[in-house]
C-alpha cells in the first residue's frame, strides 16, 4: 500500500484523514449544517489545502486551531 501523505518518512495519511473528519464535524456542529455541506465548505478553503500539505505542519495542530484558521479566512 502506498501512503498518500508522508513527512520525513512518517506516514501521516490516517492522521490527516481523521483530522479532516474531526474538523468537518466541528464545522457542521458549529454552523448547524450537514457533514456533507461542511465538507464542501472546508474542502474549498486554504486551510484544507494546508492540512493536506504535510510540510506546513498543519496536521500537527489541534482541531480548535484549525477551526480558527478556517473561520479567519
Protein backbone atom coordinates (compact mmCIF):
# COMPACT_ATOMS: atom_id res chain seq x y z
CA UNK A 1 0.00 0.00 0.00
CA UNK A 2 1.30 3.42 -0.93
CA UNK A 3 0.92 6.27 1.56
CA UNK A 4 -0.65 9.45 0.31
CA UNK A 5 0.77 11.77 2.96
CA UNK A 6 4.35 11.34 4.17
CA UNK A 7 6.51 13.74 6.17
CA UNK A 8 10.16 12.90 6.84
CA UNK A 9 9.44 9.22 6.25
CA UNK A 10 6.45 9.18 8.60
CA UNK A 11 3.09 8.06 7.16
CA UNK A 12 0.51 10.71 8.10
CA UNK A 13 -2.35 9.50 5.92
CA UNK A 14 -4.62 8.21 8.67
CA UNK A 15 -3.81 11.15 10.95
CA UNK A 16 -4.71 13.67 8.25
CA UNK A 17 -7.92 11.87 7.28
CA UNK A 18 -9.01 11.71 10.92
CA UNK A 19 -8.20 15.38 11.50
CA UNK A 20 -10.21 16.35 8.42
CA UNK A 21 -13.16 14.31 9.73
CA UNK A 22 -12.99 15.94 13.16
CA UNK A 23 -12.69 19.47 11.72
CA UNK A 24 -15.57 18.93 9.29
CA UNK A 25 -17.75 17.56 12.11
CA UNK A 26 -16.90 20.59 14.24
CA UNK A 27 -17.85 22.94 11.38
CA UNK A 28 -21.13 21.06 10.87
CA UNK A 29 -21.95 21.27 14.58
CA UNK A 30 -21.00 24.94 14.89
CA UNK A 31 -22.86 26.07 11.76
CA UNK A 32 -25.82 23.70 12.16
CA UNK A 33 -25.33 22.14 8.73
CA UNK A 34 -24.87 18.60 7.48
CA UNK A 35 -21.49 16.90 7.43
CA UNK A 36 -21.56 16.87 3.62
CA UNK A 37 -22.25 20.61 3.42
CA UNK A 38 -19.48 21.30 5.93
CA UNK A 39 -17.07 19.14 3.93
CA UNK A 40 -17.83 21.08 0.75
CA UNK A 41 -17.15 24.37 2.54
CA UNK A 42 -13.96 23.15 4.15
CA UNK A 43 -12.62 21.46 1.02
CA UNK A 44 -12.65 24.79 -0.85
CA UNK A 45 -10.58 26.55 1.82
CA UNK A 46 -6.91 27.39 2.03
CA UNK A 47 -6.88 25.76 5.47
CA UNK A 48 -7.88 22.45 3.89
CA UNK A 49 -5.05 22.78 1.38
CA UNK A 50 -2.60 23.47 4.22
CA UNK A 51 -3.88 20.46 6.15
CA UNK A 52 -3.25 18.23 3.13
CA UNK A 53 0.27 19.60 2.62
CA UNK A 54 2.43 17.83 5.23
CA UNK A 55 5.27 20.35 5.01
CA UNK A 56 3.01 23.07 6.51
CA UNK A 57 2.76 21.03 9.75
CA UNK A 58 -0.95 21.95 9.97
CA UNK A 59 -1.62 18.25 10.62
CA UNK A 60 0.13 18.61 13.99
CA UNK A 61 -2.21 21.36 15.21
CA UNK A 62 -5.35 20.93 17.30
CA UNK A 63 -8.83 20.86 15.80
CA UNK A 64 -9.58 24.17 17.57
CA UNK A 65 -6.55 25.84 15.96
CA UNK A 66 -7.53 24.55 12.52
CA UNK A 67 -11.11 25.77 13.03
CA UNK A 68 -9.83 29.22 13.98
CA UNK A 69 -7.73 29.30 10.81
CA UNK A 70 -10.71 28.20 8.72
CA UNK A 71 -13.05 30.87 10.13
CA UNK A 72 -10.31 33.52 9.93
CA UNK A 73 -10.09 33.09 6.13
